[in-house]
Full PDB file with SEQRES, HELIX, SHEET, SSBOND, CRYST1, ORIGX, SCALE, CONECT and MASTER records, all heavy atoms in Angstrom:
SEQRES   1 A   33  SER GLY ASP LEU GLN ARG SER LEU PRO ARG LEU ALA MET          
SEQRES   2 A   33  THR GLN SER GLY TRP ARG THR VAL THR PRO MET LEU TYR          
SEQRES   3 A   33  ALA ASN ASN GLN ILE TYR VAL                                  
HELIX    1 AA1 LEU A    8  THR A   14  1                                   7    
HELIX    2 AA2 SER A   16  ALA A   27  1                                  12    
CRYST1    1.000    1.000    1.000  90.00  90.00  90.00 P 1           1          
ORIGX1      1.000000  0.000000  0.000000        0.00000                         
ORIGX2      0.000000  1.000000  0.000000        0.00000                         
ORIGX3      0.000000  0.000000  1.000000        0.00000                         
SCALE1      1.000000  0.000000  0.000000        0.00000                         
SCALE2      0.000000  1.000000  0.000000        0.00000                         
SCALE3      0.000000  0.000000  1.000000        0.00000                         
ATOM      1  N   SER A   1      94.887  70.450  97.350  1.00  0.00           N  
ATOM      2  CA  SER A   1      93.622  69.815  96.685  1.00  0.00           C  
ATOM      3  C   SER A   1      93.140  70.783  95.637  1.00  0.00           C  
ATOM      4  O   SER A   1      93.637  72.041  95.561  1.00  0.00           O  
ATOM      5  CB  SER A   1      92.560  69.654  97.736  1.00  0.00           C  
ATOM      6  OG  SER A   1      92.255  70.880  98.299  1.00  0.00           O  
ATOM      7  N   GLY A   2      92.386  70.309  94.779  1.00  0.00           N  
ATOM      8  CA  GLY A   2      91.784  71.243  93.682  1.00  0.00           C  
ATOM      9  C   GLY A   2      92.670  71.216  92.448  1.00  0.00           C  
ATOM     10  O   GLY A   2      93.643  70.670  92.403  1.00  0.00           O  
ATOM     11  N   ASP A   3      92.269  72.081  91.500  1.00  0.00           N  
ATOM     12  CA  ASP A   3      93.127  72.274  90.289  1.00  0.00           C  
ATOM     13  C   ASP A   3      94.325  73.087  90.418  1.00  0.00           C  
ATOM     14  O   ASP A   3      95.158  73.095  89.613  1.00  0.00           O  
ATOM     15  CB  ASP A   3      92.157  72.888  89.177  1.00  0.00           C  
ATOM     16  CG  ASP A   3      91.028  71.968  88.710  1.00  0.00           C  
ATOM     17  OD1 ASP A   3      91.175  70.765  88.837  1.00  0.00           O  
ATOM     18  OD2 ASP A   3      89.964  72.581  88.379  1.00  0.00           O  
ATOM     19  N   LEU A   4      94.389  73.872  91.461  1.00  0.00           N  
ATOM     20  CA  LEU A   4      95.570  74.901  91.666  1.00  0.00           C  
ATOM     21  C   LEU A   4      96.457  74.327  92.773  1.00  0.00           C  
ATOM     22  O   LEU A   4      96.923  75.202  93.538  1.00  0.00           O  
ATOM     23  CB  LEU A   4      95.074  76.223  91.907  1.00  0.00           C  
ATOM     24  CG  LEU A   4      94.136  76.797  90.824  1.00  0.00           C  
ATOM     25  CD1 LEU A   4      93.609  78.204  91.298  1.00  0.00           C  
ATOM     26  CD2 LEU A   4      94.915  76.973  89.497  1.00  0.00           C  
ATOM     27  N   GLN A   5      96.839  73.050  92.736  1.00  0.00           N  
ATOM     28  CA  GLN A   5      97.811  72.571  93.738  1.00  0.00           C  
ATOM     29  C   GLN A   5      99.142  73.338  93.507  1.00  0.00           C  
ATOM     30  O   GLN A   5      99.630  73.374  92.369  1.00  0.00           O  
ATOM     31  CB  GLN A   5      97.978  71.032  93.692  1.00  0.00           C  
ATOM     32  CG  GLN A   5      96.640  70.277  94.004  1.00  0.00           C  
ATOM     33  CD  GLN A   5      96.901  68.765  93.970  1.00  0.00           C  
ATOM     34  OE1 GLN A   5      97.962  68.277  94.299  1.00  0.00           O  
ATOM     35  NE2 GLN A   5      95.776  68.177  93.543  1.00  0.00           N  
ATOM     36  N   ARG A   6      99.676  73.724  94.557  1.00  0.00           N  
ATOM     37  CA  ARG A   6     100.922  74.457  94.524  1.00  0.00           C  
ATOM     38  C   ARG A   6     101.540  74.659  95.878  1.00  0.00           C  
ATOM     39  O   ARG A   6     100.942  74.493  96.889  1.00  0.00           O  
ATOM     40  CB  ARG A   6     100.660  75.897  93.913  1.00  0.00           C  
ATOM     41  CG  ARG A   6      99.762  76.605  94.782  1.00  0.00           C  
ATOM     42  CD  ARG A   6      99.315  77.957  94.063  1.00  0.00           C  
ATOM     43  NE  ARG A   6      98.561  77.683  92.766  1.00  0.00           N  
ATOM     44  CZ  ARG A   6      98.599  78.281  91.736  1.00  0.00           C  
ATOM     45  NH1 ARG A   6      99.301  79.457  91.714  1.00  0.00           N  
ATOM     46  NH2 ARG A   6      98.090  77.926  90.656  1.00  0.00           N  
ATOM     47  N   SER A   7     102.856  75.016  95.949  1.00  0.00           N  
ATOM     48  CA  SER A   7     103.504  75.480  97.191  1.00  0.00           C  
ATOM     49  C   SER A   7     103.000  76.690  97.608  1.00  0.00           C  
ATOM     50  O   SER A   7     102.558  77.551  96.907  1.00  0.00           O  
ATOM     51  CB  SER A   7     104.962  75.465  96.952  1.00  0.00           C  
ATOM     52  OG  SER A   7     105.369  76.539  96.126  1.00  0.00           O  
ATOM     53  N   LEU A   8     103.295  77.111  98.881  1.00  0.00           N  
ATOM     54  CA  LEU A   8     102.946  78.391  99.360  1.00  0.00           C  
ATOM     55  C   LEU A   8     103.753  79.479  98.750  1.00  0.00           C  
ATOM     56  O   LEU A   8     103.098  80.587  98.511  1.00  0.00           O  
ATOM     57  CB  LEU A   8     103.097  78.382 100.902  1.00  0.00           C  
ATOM     58  CG  LEU A   8     102.223  77.413 101.696  1.00  0.00           C  
ATOM     59  CD1 LEU A   8     102.238  77.660 103.196  1.00  0.00           C  
ATOM     60  CD2 LEU A   8     100.634  77.687 101.265  1.00  0.00           C  
ATOM     61  N   PRO A   9     104.932  79.319  98.434  1.00  0.00           N  
ATOM     62  CA  PRO A   9     105.745  80.462  97.715  1.00  0.00           C  
ATOM     63  C   PRO A   9     105.013  80.713  96.315  1.00  0.00           C  
ATOM     64  O   PRO A   9     104.977  81.904  95.962  1.00  0.00           O  
ATOM     65  CB  PRO A   9     107.168  79.954  97.574  1.00  0.00           C  
ATOM     66  CG  PRO A   9     107.317  78.993  98.715  1.00  0.00           C  
ATOM     67  CD  PRO A   9     105.905  78.385  98.830  1.00  0.00           C  
ATOM     68  N   ARG A  10     104.669  79.744  95.505  1.00  0.00           N  
ATOM     69  CA  ARG A  10     103.954  79.905  94.307  1.00  0.00           C  
ATOM     70  C   ARG A  10     102.657  80.588  94.495  1.00  0.00           C  
ATOM     71  O   ARG A  10     102.203  81.532  93.714  1.00  0.00           O  
ATOM     72  CB  ARG A  10     103.819  78.566  93.490  1.00  0.00           C  
ATOM     73  CG  ARG A  10     103.395  78.934  92.149  1.00  0.00           C  
ATOM     74  CD  ARG A  10     103.844  77.854  91.141  1.00  0.00           C  
ATOM     75  NE  ARG A  10     103.372  76.489  91.375  1.00  0.00           N  
ATOM     76  CZ  ARG A  10     102.391  75.840  90.736  1.00  0.00           C  
ATOM     77  NH1 ARG A  10     101.861  76.330  89.705  1.00  0.00           N  
ATOM     78  NH2 ARG A  10     102.138  74.656  91.145  1.00  0.00           N  
ATOM     79  N   LEU A  11     102.014  80.184  95.556  1.00  0.00           N  
ATOM     80  CA  LEU A  11     100.689  80.925  95.864  1.00  0.00           C  
ATOM     81  C   LEU A  11     100.890  82.397  96.119  1.00  0.00           C  
ATOM     82  O   LEU A  11     100.276  83.192  95.629  1.00  0.00           O  
ATOM     83  CB  LEU A  11     100.083  80.258  97.130  1.00  0.00           C  
ATOM     84  CG  LEU A  11      98.796  80.989  97.667  1.00  0.00           C  
ATOM     85  CD1 LEU A  11      97.631  80.831  96.753  1.00  0.00           C  
ATOM     86  CD2 LEU A  11      98.487  80.425  99.007  1.00  0.00           C  
ATOM     87  N   ALA A  12     101.959  82.762  96.868  1.00  0.00           N  
ATOM     88  CA  ALA A  12     102.353  84.033  97.234  1.00  0.00           C  
ATOM     89  C   ALA A  12     102.788  84.942  95.874  1.00  0.00           C  
ATOM     90  O   ALA A  12     102.472  86.050  95.918  1.00  0.00           O  
ATOM     91  CB  ALA A  12     103.497  84.172  98.223  1.00  0.00           C  
ATOM     92  N   MET A  13     103.313  84.070  94.978  1.00  0.00           N  
ATOM     93  CA  MET A  13     103.747  84.874  93.778  1.00  0.00           C  
ATOM     94  C   MET A  13     102.712  85.022  92.736  1.00  0.00           C  
ATOM     95  O   MET A  13     102.847  85.859  91.803  1.00  0.00           O  
ATOM     96  CB  MET A  13     104.903  84.031  93.035  1.00  0.00           C  
ATOM     97  CG  MET A  13     106.110  83.818  93.919  1.00  0.00           C  
ATOM     98  SD  MET A  13     107.300  82.685  93.282  1.00  0.00           S  
ATOM     99  CE  MET A  13     107.944  83.551  91.870  1.00  0.00           C  
ATOM    100  N   THR A  14     101.585  84.415  92.966  1.00  0.00           N  
ATOM    101  CA  THR A  14     100.459  84.459  91.840  1.00  0.00           C  
ATOM    102  C   THR A  14      99.239  85.115  92.425  1.00  0.00           C  
ATOM    103  O   THR A  14      98.315  85.100  91.567  1.00  0.00           O  
ATOM    104  CB  THR A  14     100.083  83.052  91.413  1.00  0.00           C  
ATOM    105  OG1 THR A  14      99.735  82.196  92.560  1.00  0.00           O  
ATOM    106  CG2 THR A  14     101.364  82.376  90.800  1.00  0.00           C  
ATOM    107  N   GLN A  15      99.129  85.559  93.588  1.00  0.00           N  
ATOM    108  CA  GLN A  15      97.993  86.335  94.129  1.00  0.00           C  
ATOM    109  C   GLN A  15      98.373  87.634  94.545  1.00  0.00           C  
ATOM    110  O   GLN A  15      99.413  87.803  95.299  1.00  0.00           O  
ATOM    111  CB  GLN A  15      97.289  85.388  95.233  1.00  0.00           C  
ATOM    112  CG  GLN A  15      96.576  84.130  94.633  1.00  0.00           C  
ATOM    113  CD  GLN A  15      95.747  83.526  95.710  1.00  0.00           C  
ATOM    114  OE1 GLN A  15      95.687  83.979  96.871  1.00  0.00           O  
ATOM    115  NE2 GLN A  15      94.968  82.520  95.312  1.00  0.00           N  
ATOM    116  N   SER A  16      97.598  88.672  94.016  1.00  0.00           N  
ATOM    117  CA  SER A  16      98.035  90.083  94.315  1.00  0.00           C  
ATOM    118  C   SER A  16      98.366  90.460  95.793  1.00  0.00           C  
ATOM    119  O   SER A  16      99.210  91.098  96.089  1.00  0.00           O  
ATOM    120  CB  SER A  16      97.012  91.023  93.659  1.00  0.00           C  
ATOM    121  OG  SER A  16      95.832  90.864  94.179  1.00  0.00           O  
ATOM    122  N   GLY A  17      97.466  90.059  96.664  1.00  0.00           N  
ATOM    123  CA  GLY A  17      97.649  90.512  98.137  1.00  0.00           C  
ATOM    124  C   GLY A  17      98.941  89.927  98.669  1.00  0.00           C  
ATOM    125  O   GLY A  17      99.733  90.556  99.300  1.00  0.00           O  
ATOM    126  N   TRP A  18      99.132  88.619  98.344  1.00  0.00           N  
ATOM    127  CA  TRP A  18     100.341  88.091  98.801  1.00  0.00           C  
ATOM    128  C   TRP A  18     101.641  88.596  98.116  1.00  0.00           C  
ATOM    129  O   TRP A  18     102.640  88.674  98.700  1.00  0.00           O  
ATOM    130  CB  TRP A  18     100.325  86.544  98.575  1.00  0.00           C  
ATOM    131  CG  TRP A  18      99.364  85.779  99.458  1.00  0.00           C  
ATOM    132  CD1 TRP A  18      98.271  85.126  99.049  1.00  0.00           C  
ATOM    133  CD2 TRP A  18      99.267  85.702 100.926  1.00  0.00           C  
ATOM    134  NE1 TRP A  18      97.541  84.644 100.120  1.00  0.00           N  
ATOM    135  CE2 TRP A  18      98.285  85.005 101.312  1.00  0.00           C  
ATOM    136  CE3 TRP A  18     100.097  86.273 101.875  1.00  0.00           C  
ATOM    137  CZ2 TRP A  18      97.898  84.763 102.551  1.00  0.00           C  
ATOM    138  CZ3 TRP A  18      99.813  85.875 103.195  1.00  0.00           C  
ATOM    139  CH2 TRP A  18      98.712  85.242 103.540  1.00  0.00           C  
ATOM    140  N   ARG A  19     101.441  88.940  96.862  1.00  0.00           N  
ATOM    141  CA  ARG A  19     102.614  89.636  96.162  1.00  0.00           C  
ATOM    142  C   ARG A  19     103.124  90.933  96.864  1.00  0.00           C  
ATOM    143  O   ARG A  19     104.238  91.402  96.632  1.00  0.00           O  
ATOM    144  CB  ARG A  19     102.346  89.860  94.699  1.00  0.00           C  
ATOM    145  CG  ARG A  19     102.444  88.570  93.904  1.00  0.00           C  
ATOM    146  CD  ARG A  19     102.444  88.908  92.392  1.00  0.00           C  
ATOM    147  NE  ARG A  19     101.469  89.798  91.828  1.00  0.00           N  
ATOM    148  CZ  ARG A  19     100.206  89.367  91.270  1.00  0.00           C  
ATOM    149  NH1 ARG A  19     100.025  88.167  91.067  1.00  0.00           N  
ATOM    150  NH2 ARG A  19      99.372  90.283  90.861  1.00  0.00           N  
ATOM    151  N   THR A  20     102.179  91.529  97.600  1.00  0.00           N  
ATOM    152  CA  THR A  20     102.567  92.738  98.257  1.00  0.00           C  
ATOM    153  C   THR A  20     103.126  92.442  99.676  1.00  0.00           C  
ATOM    154  O   THR A  20     104.169  93.099 100.007  1.00  0.00           O  
ATOM    155  CB  THR A  20     101.268  93.653  98.477  1.00  0.00           C  
ATOM    156  OG1 THR A  20     100.737  93.938  97.158  1.00  0.00           O  
ATOM    157  CG2 THR A  20     101.598  94.948  99.223  1.00  0.00           C  
ATOM    158  N   VAL A  21     102.442  91.507 100.379  1.00  0.00           N  
ATOM    159  CA  VAL A  21     102.978  91.302 101.814  1.00  0.00           C  
ATOM    160  C   VAL A  21     104.195  90.505 101.853  1.00  0.00           C  
ATOM    161  O   VAL A  21     105.099  90.805 102.693  1.00  0.00           O  
ATOM    162  CB  VAL A  21     101.729  90.587 102.528  1.00  0.00           C  
ATOM    163  CG1 VAL A  21     102.116  90.133 103.859  1.00  0.00           C  
ATOM    164  CG2 VAL A  21     100.523  91.545 102.565  1.00  0.00           C  
ATOM    165  N   THR A  22     104.253  89.538 100.962  1.00  0.00           N  
ATOM    166  CA  THR A  22     105.389  88.526 101.252  1.00  0.00           C  
ATOM    167  C   THR A  22     106.773  89.198 101.034  1.00  0.00           C  
ATOM    168  O   THR A  22     107.776  89.008 101.860  1.00  0.00           O  
ATOM    169  CB  THR A  22     105.221  87.341 100.279  1.00  0.00           C  
ATOM    170  OG1 THR A  22     104.023  86.667 100.590  1.00  0.00           O  
ATOM    171  CG2 THR A  22     106.452  86.368 100.465  1.00  0.00           C  
ATOM    172  N   PRO A  23     107.005  90.031  99.985  1.00  0.00           N  
ATOM    173  CA  PRO A  23     108.267  90.735  99.872  1.00  0.00           C  
ATOM    174  C   PRO A  23     108.506  91.714 101.139  1.00  0.00           C  
ATOM    175  O   PRO A  23     109.660  91.871 101.613  1.00  0.00           O  
ATOM    176  CB  PRO A  23     108.181  91.594  98.678  1.00  0.00           C  
ATOM    177  CG  PRO A  23     107.099  90.911  97.837  1.00  0.00           C  
ATOM    178  CD  PRO A  23     106.193  90.318  98.894  1.00  0.00           C  
ATOM    179  N   MET A  24     107.498  92.189 101.678  1.00  0.00           N  
ATOM    180  CA  MET A  24     107.551  93.005 102.873  1.00  0.00           C  
ATOM    181  C   MET A  24     108.157  92.229 104.023  1.00  0.00           C  
ATOM    182  O   MET A  24     108.989  92.753 104.771  1.00  0.00           O  
ATOM    183  CB  MET A  24     106.211  93.598 103.348  1.00  0.00           C  
ATOM    184  CG  MET A  24     106.271  95.128 103.365  1.00  0.00           C  
ATOM    185  SD  MET A  24     104.543  95.723 103.755  1.00  0.00           S  
ATOM    186  CE  MET A  24     103.556  94.450 104.460  1.00  0.00           C  
ATOM    187  N   LEU A  25     107.711  90.988 104.200  1.00  0.00           N  
ATOM    188  CA  LEU A  25     108.281  90.151 105.290  1.00  0.00           C  
ATOM    189  C   LEU A  25     109.802  90.006 105.070  1.00  0.00           C  
ATOM    190  O   LEU A  25     110.592  90.219 106.053  1.00  0.00           O  
ATOM    191  CB  LEU A  25     107.581  88.849 105.215  1.00  0.00           C  
ATOM    192  CG  LEU A  25     106.133  88.773 105.615  1.00  0.00           C  
ATOM    193  CD1 LEU A  25     105.562  87.326 105.477  1.00  0.00           C  
ATOM    194  CD2 LEU A  25     105.853  89.222 106.942  1.00  0.00           C  
ATOM    195  N   TYR A  26     110.195  89.489 103.938  1.00  0.00           N  
ATOM    196  CA  TYR A  26     111.589  89.243 103.664  1.00  0.00           C  
ATOM    197  C   TYR A  26     112.379  90.627 103.799  1.00  0.00           C  
ATOM    198  O   TYR A  26     113.535  90.536 104.418  1.00  0.00           O  
ATOM    199  CB  TYR A  26     111.828  88.644 102.365  1.00  0.00           C  
ATOM    200  CG  TYR A  26     111.312  87.213 102.334  1.00  0.00           C  
ATOM    201  CD1 TYR A  26     110.101  86.851 101.977  1.00  0.00           C  
ATOM    202  CD2 TYR A  26     112.237  86.208 102.763  1.00  0.00           C  
ATOM    203  CE1 TYR A  26     109.671  85.566 101.999  1.00  0.00           C  
ATOM    204  CE2 TYR A  26     111.836  84.866 102.823  1.00  0.00           C  
ATOM    205  CZ  TYR A  26     110.472  84.576 102.397  1.00  0.00           C  
ATOM    206  OH  TYR A  26     110.076  83.303 102.577  1.00  0.00           O  
ATOM    207  N   ALA A  27     111.952  91.760 103.345  1.00  0.00           N  
ATOM    208  CA  ALA A  27     112.679  93.069 103.536  1.00  0.00           C  
ATOM    209  C   ALA A  27     112.884  93.428 104.997  1.00  0.00           C  
ATOM    210  O   ALA A  27     113.810  94.122 105.292  1.00  0.00           O  
ATOM    211  CB  ALA A  27     111.893  94.136 102.794  1.00  0.00           C  
ATOM    212  N   ASN A  28     111.965  92.832 105.855  1.00  0.00           N  
ATOM    213  CA  ASN A  28     112.045  93.150 107.334  1.00  0.00           C  
ATOM    214  C   ASN A  28     112.681  91.915 108.037  1.00  0.00           C  
ATOM    215  O   ASN A  28     112.343  91.824 109.311  1.00  0.00           O  
ATOM    216  CB  ASN A  28     110.665  93.586 107.869  1.00  0.00           C  
ATOM    217  CG  ASN A  28     110.371  94.919 107.246  1.00  0.00           C  
ATOM    218  OD1 ASN A  28     110.926  96.029 107.702  1.00  0.00           O  
ATOM    219  ND2 ASN A  28     109.445  95.035 106.299  1.00  0.00           N  
ATOM    220  N   ASN A  29     113.400  91.176 107.448  1.00  0.00           N  
ATOM    221  CA  ASN A  29     114.058  90.035 108.110  1.00  0.00           C  
ATOM    222  C   ASN A  29     113.202  89.065 108.842  1.00  0.00           C  
ATOM    223  O   ASN A  29     113.356  88.488 109.823  1.00  0.00           O  
ATOM    224  CB  ASN A  29     115.168  90.550 109.202  1.00  0.00           C  
ATOM    225  CG  ASN A  29     116.243  91.314 108.557  1.00  0.00           C  
ATOM    226  OD1 ASN A  29     116.743  90.898 107.559  1.00  0.00           O  
ATOM    227  ND2 ASN A  29     116.523  92.471 109.008  1.00  0.00           N  
ATOM    228  N   GLN A  30     111.986  88.738 108.114  1.00  0.00           N  
ATOM    229  CA  GLN A  30     111.157  87.724 108.503  1.00  0.00           C  
ATOM    230  C   GLN A  30     111.161  86.711 107.424  1.00  0.00           C  
ATOM    231  O   GLN A  30     110.546  86.690 106.425  1.00  0.00           O  
ATOM    232  CB  GLN A  30     109.765  88.300 108.648  1.00  0.00           C  
ATOM    233  CG  GLN A  30     109.791  89.378 109.850  1.00  0.00           C  
ATOM    234  CD  GLN A  30     108.374  89.811 110.195  1.00  0.00           C  
ATOM    235  OE1 GLN A  30     107.343  89.307 109.829  1.00  0.00           O  
ATOM    236  NE2 GLN A  30     108.420  90.883 110.956  1.00  0.00           N  
ATOM    237  N   ILE A  31     112.090  85.600 107.705  1.00  0.00           N  
ATOM    238  CA  ILE A  31     112.393  84.620 106.792  1.00  0.00           C  
ATOM    239  C   ILE A  31     111.608  83.279 106.982  1.00  0.00           C  
ATOM    240  O   ILE A  31     111.719  82.872 108.181  1.00  0.00           O  
ATOM    241  CB  ILE A  31     113.852  84.322 106.793  1.00  0.00           C  
ATOM    242  CG1 ILE A  31     114.607  85.582 106.661  1.00  0.00           C  
ATOM    243  CG2 ILE A  31     114.268  83.288 105.755  1.00  0.00           C  
ATOM    244  CD1 ILE A  31     114.381  86.410 105.388  1.00  0.00           C  
ATOM    245  N   TYR A  32     110.856  82.847 106.097  1.00  0.00           N  
ATOM    246  CA  TYR A  32     110.139  81.668 106.211  1.00  0.00           C  
ATOM    247  C   TYR A  32     110.452  80.596 105.199  1.00  0.00           C  
ATOM    248  O   TYR A  32     110.891  81.040 104.079  1.00  0.00           O  
ATOM    249  CB  TYR A  32     108.496  82.011 106.019  1.00  0.00           C  
ATOM    250  CG  TYR A  32     107.996  82.722 107.223  1.00  0.00           C  
ATOM    251  CD1 TYR A  32     108.030  84.040 107.220  1.00  0.00           C  
ATOM    252  CD2 TYR A  32     107.311  81.973 108.367  1.00  0.00           C  
ATOM    253  CE1 TYR A  32     107.510  84.790 108.363  1.00  0.00           C  
ATOM    254  CE2 TYR A  32     106.935  82.591 109.346  1.00  0.00           C  
ATOM    255  CZ  TYR A  32     106.953  84.068 109.340  1.00  0.00           C  
ATOM    256  OH  TYR A  32     106.437  84.614 110.570  1.00  0.00           O  
ATOM    257  N   VAL A  33     110.364  79.303 105.633  1.00  0.00           N  
ATOM    258  CA  VAL A  33     110.830  78.198 104.731  1.00  0.00           C  
ATOM    259  C   VAL A  33     109.578  77.396 104.533  1.00  0.00           C  
ATOM    260  O   VAL A  33     108.903  77.046 105.376  1.00  0.00           O  
ATOM    261  CB  VAL A  33     111.931  77.347 105.406  1.00  0.00           C  
ATOM    262  CG1 VAL A  33     112.357  76.283 104.633  1.00  0.00           C  
ATOM    263  CG2 VAL A  33     113.130  78.252 105.752  1.00  0.00           C  
TER     264      VAL A  33                                                      
MASTER        0    0    0    2    0    0    0    6  263    1    0    3          
END                                                                             
């Protein structure tokens, strides 16, 4: 909803907090689809 409709990966790529945490998950074998 709203003007910023997007997938969760794009949300993670465009907000600073998520840009830090999300790569940490993948680097530690925590894979989400």
